[in-house]
N, C-alpha and C. Protein backbone atom coordinates (compact mmCIF):
# COMPACT_ATOMS: atom_id res chain seq x y z
N UNK A 1 92.66 -96.24 -0.64
CA UNK A 1 91.68 -96.62 -1.64
C UNK A 1 91.20 -95.36 -2.37
N UNK A 2 91.22 -95.37 -3.71
CA UNK A 2 90.81 -94.18 -4.46
C UNK A 2 89.31 -93.93 -4.31
N UNK A 3 88.92 -92.68 -4.45
CA UNK A 3 87.50 -92.31 -4.39
C UNK A 3 86.76 -92.97 -5.56
N UNK A 4 85.51 -93.36 -5.32
CA UNK A 4 84.74 -93.96 -6.41
C UNK A 4 84.31 -92.91 -7.42
N UNK A 5 84.09 -93.37 -8.63
CA UNK A 5 83.57 -92.49 -9.67
C UNK A 5 82.12 -92.17 -9.37
N UNK A 6 81.72 -90.97 -9.71
CA UNK A 6 80.32 -90.56 -9.64
C UNK A 6 79.86 -90.30 -11.06
N UNK A 7 78.61 -90.59 -11.34
CA UNK A 7 78.06 -90.41 -12.68
C UNK A 7 76.86 -89.50 -12.61
N UNK A 8 76.68 -88.72 -13.68
CA UNK A 8 75.50 -87.87 -13.78
C UNK A 8 75.22 -87.61 -15.25
N UNK A 9 73.97 -87.23 -15.52
CA UNK A 9 73.59 -86.84 -16.86
C UNK A 9 73.48 -85.33 -16.89
N UNK A 10 74.24 -84.70 -17.76
CA UNK A 10 74.21 -83.25 -17.93
C UNK A 10 73.30 -82.97 -19.13
N UNK A 11 72.04 -82.70 -18.82
CA UNK A 11 71.04 -82.54 -19.87
C UNK A 11 71.36 -81.37 -20.80
N UNK A 12 71.87 -80.27 -20.26
CA UNK A 12 72.15 -79.09 -21.09
C UNK A 12 73.25 -79.35 -22.11
N UNK A 13 74.15 -80.27 -21.80
CA UNK A 13 75.26 -80.58 -22.71
C UNK A 13 75.07 -81.92 -23.41
N UNK A 14 73.95 -82.59 -23.15
CA UNK A 14 73.64 -83.88 -23.77
C UNK A 14 74.77 -84.88 -23.57
N UNK A 15 75.14 -85.06 -22.31
CA UNK A 15 76.23 -86.00 -22.06
C UNK A 15 76.12 -86.63 -20.68
N UNK A 16 76.59 -87.87 -20.63
CA UNK A 16 76.81 -88.53 -19.36
C UNK A 16 78.24 -88.21 -18.96
N UNK A 17 78.44 -87.97 -17.67
CA UNK A 17 79.74 -87.54 -17.17
C UNK A 17 80.17 -88.47 -16.04
N UNK A 18 81.46 -88.81 -16.04
CA UNK A 18 82.07 -89.52 -14.92
C UNK A 18 82.95 -88.52 -14.19
N UNK A 19 82.80 -88.46 -12.87
CA UNK A 19 83.57 -87.51 -12.07
C UNK A 19 84.33 -88.23 -10.97
N UNK A 20 85.49 -87.72 -10.68
CA UNK A 20 86.32 -88.23 -9.60
C UNK A 20 86.62 -87.04 -8.69
N UNK A 21 86.20 -87.12 -7.45
CA UNK A 21 86.37 -86.01 -6.51
C UNK A 21 85.82 -84.69 -7.07
N UNK A 22 84.70 -84.77 -7.78
CA UNK A 22 84.05 -83.58 -8.32
C UNK A 22 84.60 -83.06 -9.62
N UNK A 23 85.66 -83.68 -10.14
CA UNK A 23 86.25 -83.25 -11.41
C UNK A 23 85.88 -84.23 -12.52
N UNK A 24 85.49 -83.69 -13.67
CA UNK A 24 85.12 -84.52 -14.81
C UNK A 24 86.35 -85.25 -15.35
N UNK A 25 86.25 -86.58 -15.46
CA UNK A 25 87.36 -87.37 -15.99
C UNK A 25 87.00 -88.04 -17.31
N UNK A 26 85.69 -88.16 -17.61
CA UNK A 26 85.26 -88.78 -18.86
C UNK A 26 83.83 -88.33 -19.16
N UNK A 27 83.48 -88.37 -20.44
CA UNK A 27 82.10 -88.07 -20.83
C UNK A 27 81.75 -88.83 -22.10
N UNK A 28 80.45 -89.01 -22.29
CA UNK A 28 79.90 -89.56 -23.52
C UNK A 28 78.79 -88.63 -23.97
N UNK A 29 78.87 -88.19 -25.22
CA UNK A 29 77.80 -87.37 -25.79
C UNK A 29 76.68 -88.32 -26.20
N UNK A 30 75.48 -88.03 -25.70
CA UNK A 30 74.33 -88.92 -25.90
C UNK A 30 73.10 -88.09 -26.21
N UNK A 31 72.42 -88.44 -27.30
CA UNK A 31 71.14 -87.82 -27.61
C UNK A 31 70.04 -88.80 -27.25
N UNK A 32 68.95 -88.28 -26.73
CA UNK A 32 67.77 -89.10 -26.46
C UNK A 32 66.91 -89.05 -27.72
N UNK A 33 66.64 -90.22 -28.28
CA UNK A 33 65.86 -90.32 -29.51
C UNK A 33 64.44 -90.75 -29.16
N UNK A 34 63.49 -89.86 -29.37
CA UNK A 34 62.07 -90.13 -29.14
C UNK A 34 61.80 -90.81 -27.80
N UNK A 35 62.53 -90.45 -26.77
CA UNK A 35 62.37 -90.97 -25.40
C UNK A 35 62.47 -92.49 -25.33
N UNK A 36 63.00 -93.11 -26.38
CA UNK A 36 63.09 -94.57 -26.39
C UNK A 36 64.52 -95.09 -26.49
N UNK A 37 65.41 -94.28 -27.01
CA UNK A 37 66.78 -94.75 -27.25
C UNK A 37 67.81 -93.70 -26.85
N UNK A 38 68.99 -94.19 -26.50
CA UNK A 38 70.16 -93.34 -26.33
C UNK A 38 71.03 -93.51 -27.57
N UNK A 39 71.30 -92.43 -28.27
CA UNK A 39 72.24 -92.42 -29.38
C UNK A 39 73.58 -92.01 -28.78
N UNK A 40 74.49 -92.97 -28.66
CA UNK A 40 75.81 -92.70 -28.05
C UNK A 40 76.75 -92.28 -29.18
N UNK A 41 77.10 -90.98 -29.18
CA UNK A 41 77.82 -90.40 -30.32
C UNK A 41 79.33 -90.32 -30.14
N UNK A 42 79.79 -90.06 -28.94
CA UNK A 42 81.22 -89.82 -28.75
C UNK A 42 81.56 -90.04 -27.28
N UNK A 43 82.68 -90.68 -27.03
CA UNK A 43 83.16 -90.89 -25.67
C UNK A 43 84.59 -90.40 -25.59
N UNK A 44 84.90 -89.72 -24.49
CA UNK A 44 86.24 -89.17 -24.33
C UNK A 44 86.66 -89.25 -22.86
N UNK A 45 87.90 -89.62 -22.65
CA UNK A 45 88.49 -89.64 -21.31
C UNK A 45 89.57 -88.56 -21.30
N UNK A 46 89.59 -87.75 -20.25
CA UNK A 46 90.63 -86.71 -20.13
C UNK A 46 92.00 -87.37 -20.20
N UNK A 47 92.91 -86.77 -20.94
CA UNK A 47 94.22 -87.40 -21.18
C UNK A 47 94.95 -87.75 -19.89
N UNK A 48 94.79 -86.97 -18.85
CA UNK A 48 95.46 -87.26 -17.58
C UNK A 48 94.89 -88.49 -16.88
N UNK A 49 93.74 -88.98 -17.37
CA UNK A 49 93.06 -90.09 -16.72
C UNK A 49 92.91 -91.31 -17.63
N UNK A 50 93.56 -91.30 -18.77
CA UNK A 50 93.46 -92.43 -19.70
C UNK A 50 94.08 -93.69 -19.10
N UNK A 51 93.55 -94.82 -19.52
CA UNK A 51 94.11 -96.10 -19.12
C UNK A 51 93.74 -96.57 -17.72
N UNK A 52 92.77 -95.92 -17.11
CA UNK A 52 92.37 -96.29 -15.75
C UNK A 52 91.00 -96.95 -15.69
N UNK A 53 90.39 -97.18 -16.87
CA UNK A 53 89.09 -97.84 -16.92
C UNK A 53 87.91 -96.92 -16.73
N UNK A 54 88.13 -95.61 -16.76
CA UNK A 54 87.03 -94.68 -16.54
C UNK A 54 86.04 -94.69 -17.71
N UNK A 55 86.53 -94.82 -18.93
CA UNK A 55 85.64 -94.92 -20.09
C UNK A 55 84.78 -96.17 -20.02
N UNK A 56 85.39 -97.26 -19.61
CA UNK A 56 84.66 -98.52 -19.46
C UNK A 56 83.59 -98.40 -18.39
N UNK A 57 83.94 -97.81 -17.26
CA UNK A 57 82.98 -97.63 -16.17
C UNK A 57 81.82 -96.74 -16.61
N UNK A 58 82.13 -95.70 -17.36
CA UNK A 58 81.09 -94.80 -17.86
C UNK A 58 80.17 -95.54 -18.81
N UNK A 59 80.73 -96.36 -19.70
CA UNK A 59 79.90 -97.10 -20.65
C UNK A 59 78.99 -98.08 -19.92
N UNK A 60 79.53 -98.77 -18.91
CA UNK A 60 78.70 -99.67 -18.11
C UNK A 60 77.54 -98.91 -17.45
N UNK A 61 77.85 -97.71 -16.97
CA UNK A 61 76.81 -96.89 -16.34
C UNK A 61 75.72 -96.52 -17.35
N UNK A 62 76.12 -96.05 -18.52
CA UNK A 62 75.15 -95.64 -19.55
C UNK A 62 74.27 -96.82 -19.95
N UNK A 63 74.88 -97.96 -20.17
CA UNK A 63 74.12 -99.14 -20.58
C UNK A 63 73.21 -99.60 -19.44
N UNK A 64 73.67 -99.47 -18.22
CA UNK A 64 72.83 -99.80 -17.07
C UNK A 64 71.64 -98.87 -16.96
N UNK A 65 71.86 -97.58 -17.22
CA UNK A 65 70.76 -96.61 -17.21
C UNK A 65 69.75 -96.95 -18.30
N UNK A 66 70.25 -97.30 -19.49
CA UNK A 66 69.35 -97.67 -20.58
C UNK A 66 68.50 -98.87 -20.17
N UNK A 67 69.14 -99.88 -19.61
CA UNK A 67 68.41 -101.08 -19.18
C UNK A 67 67.36 -100.72 -18.12
N UNK A 68 67.77 -99.95 -17.14
CA UNK A 68 66.87 -99.58 -16.04
C UNK A 68 65.67 -98.77 -16.55
N UNK A 69 65.89 -97.93 -17.55
CA UNK A 69 64.83 -97.07 -18.08
C UNK A 69 64.04 -97.71 -19.21
N UNK A 70 64.40 -98.95 -19.59
CA UNK A 70 63.70 -99.63 -20.67
C UNK A 70 63.98 -99.04 -22.04
N UNK A 71 65.17 -98.48 -22.20
CA UNK A 71 65.56 -97.87 -23.49
C UNK A 71 66.45 -98.81 -24.28
N UNK A 72 66.54 -98.54 -25.56
CA UNK A 72 67.55 -99.18 -26.39
C UNK A 72 68.69 -98.19 -26.59
N UNK A 73 69.80 -98.67 -27.16
CA UNK A 73 70.93 -97.80 -27.46
C UNK A 73 71.31 -97.95 -28.93
N UNK A 74 71.86 -96.87 -29.45
CA UNK A 74 72.41 -96.85 -30.81
C UNK A 74 73.85 -96.38 -30.65
N UNK A 75 74.79 -97.32 -30.55
CA UNK A 75 76.19 -96.93 -30.31
C UNK A 75 76.94 -96.63 -31.61
N UNK A 76 76.92 -95.36 -32.02
CA UNK A 76 77.70 -95.00 -33.21
C UNK A 76 79.12 -94.58 -32.84
N UNK A 77 79.34 -94.30 -31.58
CA UNK A 77 80.68 -94.01 -31.07
C UNK A 77 81.52 -95.28 -31.19
N UNK A 78 82.71 -95.21 -31.77
CA UNK A 78 83.54 -96.42 -31.91
C UNK A 78 83.83 -97.11 -30.58
N UNK A 79 84.06 -96.35 -29.52
CA UNK A 79 84.33 -96.95 -28.21
C UNK A 79 83.10 -97.70 -27.71
N UNK A 80 81.93 -97.09 -27.82
CA UNK A 80 80.69 -97.73 -27.36
C UNK A 80 80.39 -98.98 -28.18
N UNK A 81 80.57 -98.88 -29.48
CA UNK A 81 80.31 -100.02 -30.36
C UNK A 81 81.23 -101.19 -30.00
N UNK A 82 82.49 -100.90 -29.80
CA UNK A 82 83.46 -101.95 -29.45
C UNK A 82 83.16 -102.52 -28.07
N UNK A 83 82.72 -101.68 -27.15
CA UNK A 83 82.39 -102.16 -25.82
C UNK A 83 81.25 -103.19 -25.90
N UNK A 84 80.21 -102.87 -26.65
CA UNK A 84 79.09 -103.81 -26.80
C UNK A 84 79.55 -105.07 -27.52
N UNK A 85 80.41 -104.91 -28.51
CA UNK A 85 80.92 -106.08 -29.24
C UNK A 85 81.66 -107.02 -28.28
N UNK A 86 82.42 -106.47 -27.36
CA UNK A 86 83.19 -107.29 -26.41
C UNK A 86 82.36 -107.78 -25.22
N UNK A 87 81.20 -107.20 -25.03
CA UNK A 87 80.33 -107.57 -23.91
C UNK A 87 78.93 -107.89 -24.45
N UNK A 88 78.77 -109.06 -25.05
CA UNK A 88 77.51 -109.40 -25.71
C UNK A 88 76.29 -109.41 -24.80
N UNK A 89 76.51 -109.38 -23.48
CA UNK A 89 75.36 -109.30 -22.58
C UNK A 89 74.60 -107.98 -22.75
N UNK A 90 75.21 -107.02 -23.43
CA UNK A 90 74.54 -105.75 -23.68
C UNK A 90 73.92 -105.67 -25.08
N UNK A 91 74.14 -106.67 -25.91
CA UNK A 91 73.63 -106.64 -27.29
C UNK A 91 72.11 -106.49 -27.32
N UNK A 92 71.42 -107.06 -26.36
CA UNK A 92 69.96 -106.96 -26.33
C UNK A 92 69.49 -105.52 -26.17
N UNK A 93 70.36 -104.63 -25.68
CA UNK A 93 70.00 -103.22 -25.53
C UNK A 93 70.13 -102.44 -26.82
N UNK A 94 70.89 -102.96 -27.77
CA UNK A 94 71.09 -102.27 -29.04
C UNK A 94 69.79 -102.33 -29.84
N UNK A 95 69.38 -101.17 -30.34
CA UNK A 95 68.15 -101.13 -31.13
C UNK A 95 68.23 -102.17 -32.24
N UNK A 96 67.18 -102.99 -32.40
CA UNK A 96 67.23 -104.11 -33.34
C UNK A 96 67.72 -103.76 -34.74
N UNK A 97 67.34 -102.61 -35.26
CA UNK A 97 67.76 -102.26 -36.62
C UNK A 97 69.22 -101.85 -36.70
N UNK A 98 69.90 -101.79 -35.57
CA UNK A 98 71.32 -101.43 -35.56
C UNK A 98 72.22 -102.59 -35.15
N UNK A 99 71.65 -103.69 -34.70
CA UNK A 99 72.44 -104.82 -34.18
C UNK A 99 73.41 -105.38 -35.21
N UNK A 100 73.03 -105.42 -36.47
CA UNK A 100 73.93 -105.97 -37.48
C UNK A 100 75.19 -105.14 -37.63
N UNK A 101 75.16 -103.87 -37.26
CA UNK A 101 76.34 -103.00 -37.36
C UNK A 101 77.36 -103.31 -36.26
N UNK A 102 76.93 -104.03 -35.23
CA UNK A 102 77.85 -104.38 -34.14
C UNK A 102 78.80 -105.46 -34.61
N UNK A 103 78.25 -106.40 -35.37
CA UNK A 103 79.01 -107.48 -36.00
C UNK A 103 80.00 -108.10 -35.16
């Protein structure tokens, strides 16, 4: 059984990171907007780890953190936007003035 992914927020680099056995396999650049929202700007999975669902797991983690912290999200990253589009249970987390962009 493969080791589970670990997640952390790297405040100095403004990113959420997914790690496997201590090595970074994916990240999302995220800015905190007025302590109320996460602006999800860019998501990337290391090429050696593509196609394994690590980006999806990271996005679920970020959205879960937003929900737990009572924040909204602004997904301008194409991957994040498409993830929310395909998982409408997260639409309520999208800042109201940005929901129409999810379409």
